[in-house]
Amino acid sequence: MSDNTVETKRKRLLKLEGKLSIYDVGGLREKLATSLEDADILDIDMTDVRECDTSGLQVLCSTKKTAGQKGKQIVLTGIPKVVEDVMIKTGITHKMIGHDGGTGCQKKL
């Protein structure tokens, strides 16, 4: 008798919209934490994010750290220029984004 058990990772998609600013981070933090509870891989679609400041970026960094401590993964997709600019200005681009072979369509934390 053989064991053909296949373990798959649970994946969840979260679409962020609008602003990731100091005025919105409380709700964002809660939304990310709740989404991460049910998933091994959390895909965060940022295509419709219009604004981001360092507070919004800090929440993403905190979520990345929490995910790593739990053996989980965060994947950012559709990162708009406004978010990438804040990453560059704060000097954390290399910590937040891993390049995917040059396609630019998927960036892993």
PDB file of N, CA and C in Angstrom:
ATOM      1  N   MET A   1       0.847  -1.166   0.000  1.00  0.00           N
ATOM      2  CA  MET A   1       0.000   0.000   0.000  1.00  0.00           C
ATOM      3  C   MET A   1       0.898   1.236   0.000  1.00  0.00           C
ATOM      4  N   SER A   2       0.594   2.185  -0.875  1.00  0.00           N
ATOM      5  CA  SER A   2       1.397   3.403  -0.927  1.00  0.00           C
ATOM      6  C   SER A   2       0.571   4.594  -0.467  1.00  0.00           C
ATOM      7  N   ASP A   3       1.273   5.598  -0.027  1.00  0.00           N
ATOM      8  CA  ASP A   3       0.626   6.814   0.434  1.00  0.00           C
ATOM      9  C   ASP A   3       0.743   7.872  -0.656  1.00  0.00           C
ATOM     10  N   ASN A   4      -0.370   8.230  -1.261  1.00  0.00           N
ATOM     11  CA  ASN A   4      -0.388   9.216  -2.332  1.00  0.00           C
ATOM     12  C   ASN A   4      -0.900  10.573  -1.839  1.00  0.00           C
ATOM     13  N   THR A   5      -0.671  10.862  -0.593  1.00  0.00           N
ATOM     14  CA  THR A   5      -1.130  12.117  -0.019  1.00  0.00           C
ATOM     15  C   THR A   5      -0.379  13.282  -0.651  1.00  0.00           C
ATOM     16  N   VAL A   6      -1.131  14.265  -1.092  1.00  0.00           N
ATOM     17  CA  VAL A   6      -0.537  15.466  -1.671  1.00  0.00           C
ATOM     18  C   VAL A   6      -0.946  16.653  -0.800  1.00  0.00           C
ATOM     19  N   GLU A   7       0.056  17.334  -0.296  1.00  0.00           N
ATOM     20  CA  GLU A   7      -0.233  18.501   0.530  1.00  0.00           C
ATOM     21  C   GLU A   7      -0.113  19.745  -0.335  1.00  0.00           C
ATOM     22  N   THR A   8      -1.169  20.513  -0.398  1.00  0.00           N
ATOM     23  CA  THR A   8      -1.136  21.738  -1.183  1.00  0.00           C
ATOM     24  C   THR A   8      -1.205  22.942  -0.254  1.00  0.00           C
ATOM     25  N   LYS A   9      -0.607  24.004  -0.708  1.00  0.00           N
ATOM     26  CA  LYS A   9      -0.635  25.232   0.078  1.00  0.00           C
ATOM     27  C   LYS A   9      -1.931  25.981  -0.217  1.00  0.00           C
ATOM     28  N   ARG A  10      -2.471  26.549   0.827  1.00  0.00           N
ATOM     29  CA  ARG A  10      -3.689  27.347   0.684  1.00  0.00           C
ATOM     30  C   ARG A  10      -3.301  28.737   0.206  1.00  0.00           C
ATOM     31  N   LYS A  11      -3.957  29.183  -0.859  1.00  0.00           N
ATOM     32  CA  LYS A  11      -3.650  30.460  -1.467  1.00  0.00           C
ATOM     33  C   LYS A  11      -4.875  31.361  -1.401  1.00  0.00           C
ATOM     34  N   ARG A  12      -4.635  32.638  -1.117  1.00  0.00           N
ATOM     35  CA  ARG A  12      -5.742  33.586  -1.029  1.00  0.00           C
ATOM     36  C   ARG A  12      -5.362  34.865  -1.762  1.00  0.00           C
ATOM     37  N   LEU A  13      -6.332  35.476  -2.444  1.00  0.00           N
ATOM     38  CA  LEU A  13      -6.129  36.728  -3.163  1.00  0.00           C
ATOM     39  C   LEU A  13      -6.823  37.849  -2.411  1.00  0.00           C
ATOM     40  N   LEU A  14      -6.097  38.943  -2.199  1.00  0.00           N
ATOM     41  CA  LEU A  14      -6.647  40.133  -1.568  1.00  0.00           C
ATOM     42  C   LEU A  14      -6.383  41.315  -2.490  1.00  0.00           C
ATOM     43  N   LYS A  15      -7.434  42.008  -2.869  1.00  0.00           N
ATOM     44  CA  LYS A  15      -7.311  43.156  -3.755  1.00  0.00           C
ATOM     45  C   LYS A  15      -7.398  44.435  -2.931  1.00  0.00           C
ATOM     46  N   LEU A  16      -6.338  45.243  -2.988  1.00  0.00           N
ATOM     47  CA  LEU A  16      -6.314  46.524  -2.284  1.00  0.00           C
ATOM     48  C   LEU A  16      -6.668  47.635  -3.268  1.00  0.00           C
ATOM     49  N   GLU A  17      -7.391  48.633  -2.766  1.00  0.00           N
ATOM     50  CA  GLU A  17      -7.816  49.749  -3.610  1.00  0.00           C
ATOM     51  C   GLU A  17      -7.650  51.060  -2.857  1.00  0.00           C
ATOM     52  N   GLY A  18      -7.530  52.143  -3.592  1.00  0.00           N
ATOM     53  CA  GLY A  18      -7.542  53.469  -2.995  1.00  0.00           C
ATOM     54  C   GLY A  18      -6.237  53.855  -2.335  1.00  0.00           C
ATOM     55  N   LYS A  19      -6.323  54.280  -1.087  1.00  0.00           N
ATOM     56  CA  LYS A  19      -5.179  54.838  -0.372  1.00  0.00           C
ATOM     57  C   LYS A  19      -4.615  53.876   0.666  1.00  0.00           C
ATOM     58  N   LEU A  20      -3.292  53.849   0.742  1.00  0.00           N
ATOM     59  CA  LEU A  20      -2.580  53.155   1.814  1.00  0.00           C
ATOM     60  C   LEU A  20      -1.836  54.244   2.570  1.00  0.00           C
ATOM     61  N   SER A  21      -2.562  54.968   3.396  1.00  0.00           N
ATOM     62  CA  SER A  21      -1.969  56.109   4.088  1.00  0.00           C
ATOM     63  C   SER A  21      -2.189  55.992   5.591  1.00  0.00           C
ATOM     64  N   ILE A  22      -1.628  56.937   6.314  1.00  0.00           N
ATOM     65  CA  ILE A  22      -1.721  56.929   7.766  1.00  0.00           C
ATOM     66  C   ILE A  22      -3.172  56.901   8.238  1.00  0.00           C
ATOM     67  N   TYR A  23      -4.066  57.460   7.443  1.00  0.00           N
ATOM     68  CA  TYR A  23      -5.480  57.516   7.822  1.00  0.00           C
ATOM     69  C   TYR A  23      -6.211  56.194   7.596  1.00  0.00           C
ATOM     70  N   ASP A  24      -5.588  55.291   6.859  1.00  0.00           N
ATOM     71  CA  ASP A  24      -6.243  54.043   6.476  1.00  0.00           C
ATOM     72  C   ASP A  24      -5.575  52.792   7.036  1.00  0.00           C
ATOM     73  N   VAL A  25      -4.443  52.936   7.727  1.00  0.00           N
ATOM     74  CA  VAL A  25      -3.660  51.752   8.092  1.00  0.00           C
ATOM     75  C   VAL A  25      -4.315  50.858   9.136  1.00  0.00           C
ATOM     76  N   GLY A  26      -5.156  51.401   9.994  1.00  0.00           N
ATOM     77  CA  GLY A  26      -5.823  50.558  10.991  1.00  0.00           C
ATOM     78  C   GLY A  26      -6.660  49.479  10.334  1.00  0.00           C
ATOM     79  N   GLY A  27      -7.474  49.873   9.405  1.00  0.00           N
ATOM     80  CA  GLY A  27      -8.307  48.912   8.676  1.00  0.00           C
ATOM     81  C   GLY A  27      -7.480  47.995   7.799  1.00  0.00           C
ATOM     82  N   LEU A  28      -6.423  48.535   7.207  1.00  0.00           N
ATOM     83  CA  LEU A  28      -5.546  47.740   6.350  1.00  0.00           C
ATOM     84  C   LEU A  28      -4.845  46.656   7.154  1.00  0.00           C
ATOM     85  N   ARG A  29      -4.334  47.018   8.305  1.00  0.00           N
ATOM     86  CA  ARG A  29      -3.634  46.049   9.164  1.00  0.00           C
ATOM     87  C   ARG A  29      -4.555  44.873   9.510  1.00  0.00           C
ATOM     88  N   GLU A  30      -5.781  45.183   9.883  1.00  0.00           N
ATOM     89  CA  GLU A  30      -6.760  44.152  10.240  1.00  0.00           C
ATOM     90  C   GLU A  30      -7.104  43.269   9.048  1.00  0.00           C
ATOM     91  N   LYS A  31      -7.305  43.894   7.891  1.00  0.00           N
ATOM     92  CA  LYS A  31      -7.642  43.146   6.672  1.00  0.00           C
ATOM     93  C   LYS A  31      -6.518  42.189   6.287  1.00  0.00           C
ATOM     94  N   LEU A  32      -5.277  42.645   6.359  1.00  0.00           N
ATOM     95  CA  LEU A  32      -4.137  41.792   6.021  1.00  0.00           C
ATOM     96  C   LEU A  32      -3.974  40.651   7.022  1.00  0.00           C
ATOM     97  N   ALA A  33      -4.122  40.949   8.299  1.00  0.00           N
ATOM     98  CA  ALA A  33      -3.978  39.917   9.336  1.00  0.00           C
ATOM     99  C   ALA A  33      -5.037  38.830   9.173  1.00  0.00           C
ATOM    100  N   THR A  34      -6.273  39.228   8.927  1.00  0.00           N
ATOM    101  CA  THR A  34      -7.367  38.272   8.748  1.00  0.00           C
ATOM    102  C   THR A  34      -7.128  37.411   7.508  1.00  0.00           C
ATOM    103  N   SER A  35      -6.687  38.038   6.422  1.00  0.00           N
ATOM    104  CA  SER A  35      -6.436  37.304   5.182  1.00  0.00           C
ATOM    105  C   SER A  35      -5.293  36.317   5.340  1.00  0.00           C
ATOM    106  N   LEU A  36      -4.284  36.680   6.108  1.00  0.00           N
ATOM    107  CA  LEU A  36      -3.126  35.817   6.310  1.00  0.00           C
ATOM    108  C   LEU A  36      -3.445  34.608   7.179  1.00  0.00           C
ATOM    109  N   GLU A  37      -4.439  34.719   8.053  1.00  0.00           N
ATOM    110  CA  GLU A  37      -4.815  33.606   8.931  1.00  0.00           C
ATOM    111  C   GLU A  37      -5.195  32.357   8.149  1.00  0.00           C
ATOM    112  N   ASP A  38      -5.922  32.535   7.052  1.00  0.00           N
ATOM    113  CA  ASP A  38      -6.475  31.406   6.299  1.00  0.00           C
ATOM    114  C   ASP A  38      -5.596  30.927   5.150  1.00  0.00           C
ATOM    115  N   ALA A  39      -4.424  31.526   4.972  1.00  0.00           N
ATOM    116  CA  ALA A  39      -3.649  31.220   3.770  1.00  0.00           C
ATOM    117  C   ALA A  39      -2.189  30.940   4.097  1.00  0.00           C
ATOM    118  N   ASP A  40      -1.588  30.087   3.264  1.00  0.00           N
ATOM    119  CA  ASP A  40      -0.144  29.881   3.320  1.00  0.00           C
ATOM    120  C   ASP A  40       0.550  30.873   2.386  1.00  0.00           C
ATOM    121  N   ILE A  41      -0.166  31.219   1.308  1.00  0.00           N
ATOM    122  CA  ILE A  41       0.321  32.199   0.344  1.00  0.00           C
ATOM    123  C   ILE A  41      -0.763  33.256   0.191  1.00  0.00           C
ATOM    124  N   LEU A  42      -0.402  34.499   0.457  1.00  0.00           N
ATOM    125  CA  LEU A  42      -1.349  35.604   0.309  1.00  0.00           C
ATOM    126  C   LEU A  42      -0.905  36.463  -0.864  1.00  0.00           C
ATOM    127  N   ASP A  43      -1.701  36.442  -1.939  1.00  0.00           N
ATOM    128  CA  ASP A  43      -1.472  37.303  -3.094  1.00  0.00           C
ATOM    129  C   ASP A  43      -2.170  38.623  -2.843  1.00  0.00           C
ATOM    130  N   ILE A  44      -1.421  39.710  -2.887  1.00  0.00           N
ATOM    131  CA  ILE A  44      -1.984  41.036  -2.681  1.00  0.00           C
ATOM    132  C   ILE A  44      -1.927  41.780  -4.007  1.00  0.00           C
ATOM    133  N   ASP A  45      -3.093  41.996  -4.617  1.00  0.00           N
ATOM    134  CA  ASP A  45      -3.198  42.726  -5.877  1.00  0.00           C
ATOM    135  C   ASP A  45      -3.296  44.213  -5.552  1.00  0.00           C
ATOM    136  N   MET A  46      -2.292  44.977  -5.980  1.00  0.00           N
ATOM    137  CA  MET A  46      -2.229  46.401  -5.656  1.00  0.00           C
ATOM    138  C   MET A  46      -2.527  47.291  -6.864  1.00  0.00           C
ATOM    139  N   THR A  47      -3.051  46.715  -7.915  1.00  0.00           N
ATOM    140  CA  THR A  47      -3.292  47.436  -9.158  1.00  0.00           C
ATOM    141  C   THR A  47      -4.059  48.737  -8.958  1.00  0.00           C
ATOM    142  N   ASP A  48      -5.053  48.747  -8.081  1.00  0.00           N
ATOM    143  CA  ASP A  48      -5.918  49.910  -7.911  1.00  0.00           C
ATOM    144  C   ASP A  48      -5.552  50.799  -6.727  1.00  0.00           C
ATOM    145  N   VAL A  49      -4.336  50.673  -6.215  1.00  0.00           N
ATOM    146  CA  VAL A  49      -3.876  51.567  -5.142  1.00  0.00           C
ATOM    147  C   VAL A  49      -3.457  52.891  -5.791  1.00  0.00           C
ATOM    148  N   ARG A  50      -4.045  53.994  -5.309  1.00  0.00           N
ATOM    149  CA  ARG A  50      -3.801  55.315  -5.893  1.00  0.00           C
ATOM    150  C   ARG A  50      -2.799  56.144  -5.094  1.00  0.00           C
ATOM    151  N   GLU A  51      -2.632  55.810  -3.821  1.00  0.00           N
ATOM    152  CA  GLU A  51      -1.788  56.622  -2.950  1.00  0.00           C
ATOM    153  C   GLU A  51      -1.159  55.724  -1.890  1.00  0.00           C
ATOM    154  N   CYS A  52       0.078  56.043  -1.518  1.00  0.00           N
ATOM    155  CA  CYS A  52       0.761  55.271  -0.474  1.00  0.00           C
ATOM    156  C   CYS A  52       1.750  56.181   0.232  1.00  0.00           C
ATOM    157  N   ASP A  53       1.796  56.083   1.547  1.00  0.00           N
ATOM    158  CA  ASP A  53       2.812  56.797   2.311  1.00  0.00           C
ATOM    159  C   ASP A  53       3.595  55.787   3.142  1.00  0.00           C
ATOM    160  N   THR A  54       4.507  56.274   3.956  1.00  0.00           N
ATOM    161  CA  THR A  54       5.356  55.355   4.726  1.00  0.00           C
ATOM    162  C   THR A  54       4.563  54.526   5.732  1.00  0.00           C
ATOM    163  N   SER A  55       3.443  55.038   6.195  1.00  0.00           N
ATOM    164  CA  SER A  55       2.611  54.259   7.128  1.00  0.00           C
ATOM    165  C   SER A  55       2.010  53.041   6.426  1.00  0.00           C
ATOM    166  N   GLY A  56       1.535  53.232   5.212  1.00  0.00           N
ATOM    167  CA  GLY A  56       1.002  52.111   4.437  1.00  0.00           C
ATOM    168  C   GLY A  56       2.076  51.085   4.139  1.00  0.00           C
ATOM    169  N   LEU A  57       3.255  51.581   3.806  1.00  0.00           N
ATOM    170  CA  LEU A  57       4.378  50.695   3.525  1.00  0.00           C
ATOM    171  C   LEU A  57       4.801  49.924   4.772  1.00  0.00           C
ATOM    172  N   GLN A  58       4.747  50.577   5.921  1.00  0.00           N
ATOM    173  CA  GLN A  58       5.112  49.918   7.176  1.00  0.00           C
ATOM    174  C   GLN A  58       4.178  48.748   7.468  1.00  0.00           C
ATOM    175  N   VAL A  59       2.902  48.917   7.171  1.00  0.00           N
ATOM    176  CA  VAL A  59       1.947  47.823   7.390  1.00  0.00           C
ATOM    177  C   VAL A  59       2.286  46.642   6.477  1.00  0.00           C
ATOM    178  N   LEU A  60       2.670  46.917   5.238  1.00  0.00           N
ATOM    179  CA  LEU A  60       3.078  45.837   4.332  1.00  0.00           C
ATOM    180  C   LEU A  60       4.334  45.137   4.854  1.00  0.00           C
ATOM    181  N   CYS A  61       5.296  45.916   5.355  1.00  0.00           N
ATOM    182  CA  CYS A  61       6.529  45.339   5.921  1.00  0.00           C
ATOM    183  C   CYS A  61       6.218  44.469   7.137  1.00  0.00           C
ATOM    184  N   SER A  62       5.338  44.948   7.983  1.00  0.00           N
ATOM    185  CA  SER A  62       4.948  44.203   9.178  1.00  0.00           C
ATOM    186  C   SER A  62       4.263  42.892   8.796  1.00  0.00           C
ATOM    187  N   THR A  63       3.417  42.956   7.789  1.00  0.00           N
ATOM    188  CA  THR A  63       2.731  41.743   7.311  1.00  0.00           C
ATOM    189  C   THR A  63       3.736  40.751   6.747  1.00  0.00           C
ATOM    190  N   LYS A  64       4.735  41.251   6.020  1.00  0.00           N
ATOM    191  CA  LYS A  64       5.795  40.395   5.482  1.00  0.00           C
ATOM    192  C   LYS A  64       6.525  39.678   6.614  1.00  0.00           C
ATOM    193  N   LYS A  65       6.864  40.421   7.659  1.00  0.00           N
ATOM    194  CA  LYS A  65       7.580  39.842   8.792  1.00  0.00           C
ATOM    195  C   LYS A  65       6.732  38.786   9.494  1.00  0.00           C
ATOM    196  N   THR A  66       5.467  39.102   9.724  1.00  0.00           N
ATOM    197  CA  THR A  66       4.552  38.155  10.369  1.00  0.00           C
ATOM    198  C   THR A  66       4.405  36.890   9.535  1.00  0.00           C
ATOM    199  N   ALA A  67       4.248  37.059   8.231  1.00  0.00           N
ATOM    200  CA  ALA A  67       4.108  35.897   7.340  1.00  0.00           C
ATOM    201  C   ALA A  67       5.342  35.009   7.419  1.00  0.00           C
ATOM    202  N   GLY A  68       6.523  35.605   7.373  1.00  0.00           N
ATOM    203  CA  GLY A  68       7.763  34.836   7.452  1.00  0.00           C
ATOM    204  C   GLY A  68       7.887  34.063   8.749  1.00  0.00           C
ATOM    205  N   GLN A  69       7.487  34.683   9.849  1.00  0.00           N
ATOM    206  CA  GLN A  69       7.550  34.019  11.153  1.00  0.00           C
ATOM    207  C   GLN A  69       6.607  32.826  11.218  1.00  0.00           C
ATOM    208  N   LYS A  70       5.547  32.858  10.433  1.00  0.00           N
ATOM    209  CA  LYS A  70       4.572  31.769  10.419  1.00  0.00           C
ATOM    210  C   LYS A  70       4.813  30.789   9.279  1.00  0.00           C
ATOM    211  N   GLY A  71       5.907  30.958   8.545  1.00  0.00           N
ATOM    212  CA  GLY A  71       6.210  30.072   7.429  1.00  0.00           C
ATOM    213  C   GLY A  71       5.299  30.294   6.238  1.00  0.00           C
ATOM    214  N   LYS A  72       4.793  31.504   6.105  1.00  0.00           N
ATOM    215  CA  LYS A  72       3.879  31.834   5.015  1.00  0.00           C
ATOM    216  C   LYS A  72       4.552  32.795   4.045  1.00  0.00           C
ATOM    217  N   GLN A  73       3.901  33.021   2.918  1.00  0.00           N
ATOM    218  CA  GLN A  73       4.485  33.846   1.866  1.00  0.00           C
ATOM    219  C   GLN A  73       3.509  34.939   1.449  1.00  0.00           C
ATOM    220  N   ILE A  74       4.055  36.114   1.146  1.00  0.00           N
ATOM    221  CA  ILE A  74       3.283  37.233   0.624  1.00  0.00           C
ATOM    222  C   ILE A  74       3.763  37.482  -0.802  1.00  0.00           C
ATOM    223  N   VAL A  75       2.834  37.664  -1.734  1.00  0.00           N
ATOM    224  CA  VAL A  75       3.164  37.991  -3.114  1.00  0.00           C
ATOM    225  C   VAL A  75       2.420  39.274  -3.475  1.00  0.00           C
ATOM    226  N   LEU A  76       3.177  40.304  -3.866  1.00  0.00           N
ATOM    227  CA  LEU A  76       2.571  41.544  -4.327  1.00  0.00           C
ATOM    228  C   LEU A  76       2.478  41.513  -5.843  1.00  0.00           C
ATOM    229  N   THR A  77       1.325  41.843  -6.369  1.00  0.00           N
ATOM    230  CA  THR A  77       1.164  41.945  -7.820  1.00  0.00           C
ATOM    231  C   THR A  77       0.585  43.302  -8.162  1.00  0.00           C
ATOM    232  N   GLY A  78       0.864  43.744  -9.369  1.00  0.00           N
ATOM    233  CA  GLY A  78       0.309  45.007  -9.843  1.00  0.00           C
ATOM    234  C   GLY A  78       0.764  46.206  -9.033  1.00  0.00           C
ATOM    235  N   ILE A  79       2.018  46.208  -8.612  1.00  0.00           N
ATOM    236  CA  ILE A  79       2.513  47.317  -7.782  1.00  0.00           C
ATOM    237  C   ILE A  79       2.557  48.587  -8.624  1.00  0.00           C
ATOM    238  N   PRO A  80       1.750  49.598  -8.233  1.00  0.00           N
ATOM    239  CA  PRO A  80       1.746  50.842  -9.002  1.00  0.00           C
ATOM    240  C   PRO A  80       2.976  51.696  -8.695  1.00  0.00           C
ATOM    241  N   LYS A  81       3.258  52.628  -9.571  1.00  0.00           N
ATOM    242  CA  LYS A  81       4.416  53.493  -9.421  1.00  0.00           C
ATOM    243  C   LYS A  81       4.390  54.260  -8.095  1.00  0.00           C
ATOM    244  N   VAL A  82       3.226  54.673  -7.624  1.00  0.00           N
ATOM    245  CA  VAL A  82       3.159  55.437  -6.371  1.00  0.00           C
ATOM    246  C   VAL A  82       3.691  54.616  -5.191  1.00  0.00           C
ATOM    247  N   VAL A  83       3.445  53.319  -5.190  1.00  0.00           N
ATOM    248  CA  VAL A  83       3.942  52.447  -4.116  1.00  0.00           C
ATOM    249  C   VAL A  83       5.436  52.185  -4.312  1.00  0.00           C
ATOM    250  N   GLU A  84       5.820  51.901  -5.532  1.00  0.00           N
ATOM    251  CA  GLU A  84       7.235  51.635  -5.804  1.00  0.00           C
ATOM    252  C   GLU A  84       8.089  52.859  -5.481  1.00  0.00           C
ATOM    253  N   ASP A  85       7.583  54.061  -5.742  1.00  0.00           N
ATOM    254  CA  ASP A  85       8.315  55.287  -5.422  1.00  0.00           C
ATOM    255  C   ASP A  85       8.574  55.407  -3.923  1.00  0.00           C
ATOM    256  N   VAL A  86       7.585  55.067  -3.099  1.00  0.00           N
ATOM    257  CA  VAL A  86       7.770  55.124  -1.638  1.00  0.00           C
ATOM    258  C   VAL A  86       8.798  54.081  -1.211  1.00  0.00           C
ATOM    259  N   MET A  87       8.766  52.895  -1.827  1.00  0.00           N
ATOM    260  CA  MET A  87       9.754  51.866  -1.513  1.00  0.00           C
ATOM    261  C   MET A  87      11.163  52.356  -1.833  1.00  0.00           C
ATOM    262  N   ILE A  88      11.311  53.012  -2.973  1.00  0.00           N
ATOM    263  CA  ILE A  88      12.625  53.520  -3.382  1.00  0.00           C
ATOM    264  C   ILE A  88      13.087  54.634  -2.450  1.00  0.00           C
ATOM    265  N   LYS A  89      12.210  55.569  -2.151  1.00  0.00           N
ATOM    266  CA  LYS A  89      12.565  56.702  -1.287  1.00  0.00           C
ATOM    267  C   LYS A  89      12.966  56.259   0.120  1.00  0.00           C
ATOM    268  N   THR A  90      12.352  55.197   0.615  1.00  0.00           N
ATOM    269  CA  THR A  90      12.682  54.721   1.956  1.00  0.00           C
ATOM    270  C   THR A  90      13.846  53.729   1.953  1.00  0.00           C
ATOM    271  N   GLY A  91      14.269  53.323   0.768  1.00  0.00           N
ATOM    272  CA  GLY A  91      15.420  52.432   0.661  1.00  0.00           C
ATOM    273  C   GLY A  91      15.138  50.983   0.983  1.00  0.00           C
ATOM    274  N   ILE A  92      13.890  50.573   0.921  1.00  0.00           N
ATOM    275  CA  ILE A  92      13.589  49.172   1.264  1.00  0.00           C
ATOM    276  C   ILE A  92      13.130  48.347   0.073  1.00  0.00           C
ATOM    277  N   THR A  93      13.309  48.865  -1.120  1.00  0.00           N
ATOM    278  CA  THR A  93      12.859  48.136  -2.312  1.00  0.00           C
ATOM    279  C   THR A  93      13.436  46.727  -2.357  1.00  0.00           C
ATOM    280  N   HIS A  94      14.724  46.587  -2.100  1.00  0.00           N
ATOM    281  CA  HIS A  94      15.372  45.275  -2.168  1.00  0.00           C
ATOM    282  C   HIS A  94      14.832  44.298  -1.134  1.00  0.00           C
ATOM    283  N   LYS A  95      14.301  44.806  -0.025  1.00  0.00           N
ATOM    284  CA  LYS A  95      13.734  43.929   0.998  1.00  0.00           C
ATOM    285  C   LYS A  95      12.292  43.544   0.690  1.00  0.00           C
ATOM    286  N   MET A  96      11.594  44.420  -0.012  1.00  0.00           N
ATOM    287  CA  MET A  96      10.174  44.202  -0.283  1.00  0.00           C
ATOM    288  C   MET A  96       9.915  43.464  -1.588  1.00  0.00           C
ATOM    289  N   ILE A  97      10.781  43.668  -2.579  1.00  0.00           N
ATOM    290  CA  ILE A  97      10.505  43.132  -3.905  1.00  0.00           C
ATOM    291  C   ILE A  97      11.611  42.184  -4.329  1.00  0.00           C
ATOM    292  N   GLY A  98      11.203  40.986  -4.745  1.00  0.00           N
ATOM    293  CA  GLY A  98      12.120  40.056  -5.379  1.00  0.00           C
ATOM    294  C   GLY A  98      11.710  39.964  -6.833  1.00  0.00           C
ATOM    295  N   HIS A  99      12.649  40.120  -7.724  1.00  0.00           N
ATOM    296  CA  HIS A  99      12.288  40.146  -9.145  1.00  0.00           C
ATOM    297  C   HIS A  99      12.025  38.737  -9.660  1.00  0.00           C
ATOM    298  N   ASP A 100      11.150  38.643 -10.613  1.00  0.00           N
ATOM    299  CA  ASP A 100      10.673  37.345 -11.104  1.00  0.00           C
ATOM    300  C   ASP A 100      11.241  37.015 -12.472  1.00  0.00           C
ATOM    301  N   GLY A 101      12.485  37.305 -12.705  1.00  0.00           N
ATOM    302  CA  GLY A 101      13.078  36.982 -13.989  1.00  0.00           C
ATOM    303  C   GLY A 101      12.842  38.063 -15.021  1.00  0.00           C
ATOM    304  N   GLY A 102      12.459  39.241 -14.573  1.00  0.00           N
ATOM    305  CA  GLY A 102      12.352  40.359 -15.489  1.00  0.00           C
ATOM    306  C   GLY A 102      10.974  40.653 -16.045  1.00  0.00           C
ATOM    307  N   THR A 103       9.970  39.856 -15.730  1.00  0.00           N
ATOM    308  CA  THR A 103       8.661  40.120 -16.313  1.00  0.00           C
ATOM    309  C   THR A 103       7.977  41.287 -15.631  1.00  0.00           C
ATOM    310  N   GLY A 104       8.300  41.540 -14.384  1.00  0.00           N
ATOM    311  CA  GLY A 104       7.729  42.671 -13.662  1.00  0.00           C
ATOM    312  C   GLY A 104       6.270  42.485 -13.283  1.00  0.00           C
ATOM    313  N   CYS A 105       5.705  41.317 -13.528  1.00  0.00           N
ATOM    314  CA  CYS A 105       4.272  41.147 -13.250  1.00  0.00           C
ATOM    315  C   CYS A 105       4.011  40.544 -11.874  1.00  0.00           C
ATOM    316  N   GLN A 106       4.998  39.944 -11.289  1.00  0.00           N
ATOM    317  CA  GLN A 106       4.809  39.359  -9.955  1.00  0.00           C
ATOM    318  C   GLN A 106       6.036  39.656  -9.128  1.00  0.00           C
ATOM    319  N   LYS A 107       5.813  40.181  -7.945  1.00  0.00           N
ATOM    320  CA  LYS A 107       6.903  40.549  -7.070  1.00  0.00           C
ATOM    321  C   LYS A 107       6.663  39.940  -5.713  1.00  0.00           C
ATOM    322  N   LYS A 108       7.619  39.185  -5.235  1.00  0.00           N
ATOM    323  CA  LYS A 108       7.453  38.479  -3.966  1.00  0.00           C
ATOM    324  C   LYS A 108       8.110  39.248  -2.843  1.00  0.00           C
ATOM    325  N   LEU A 109       7.465  39.189  -1.681  1.00  0.00           N
ATOM    326  CA  LEU A 109       8.062  39.786  -0.490  1.00  0.00           C
ATOM    327  C   LEU A 109       8.968  38.787   0.153  1.00  0.00           C
TER     328      LEU A 109
END
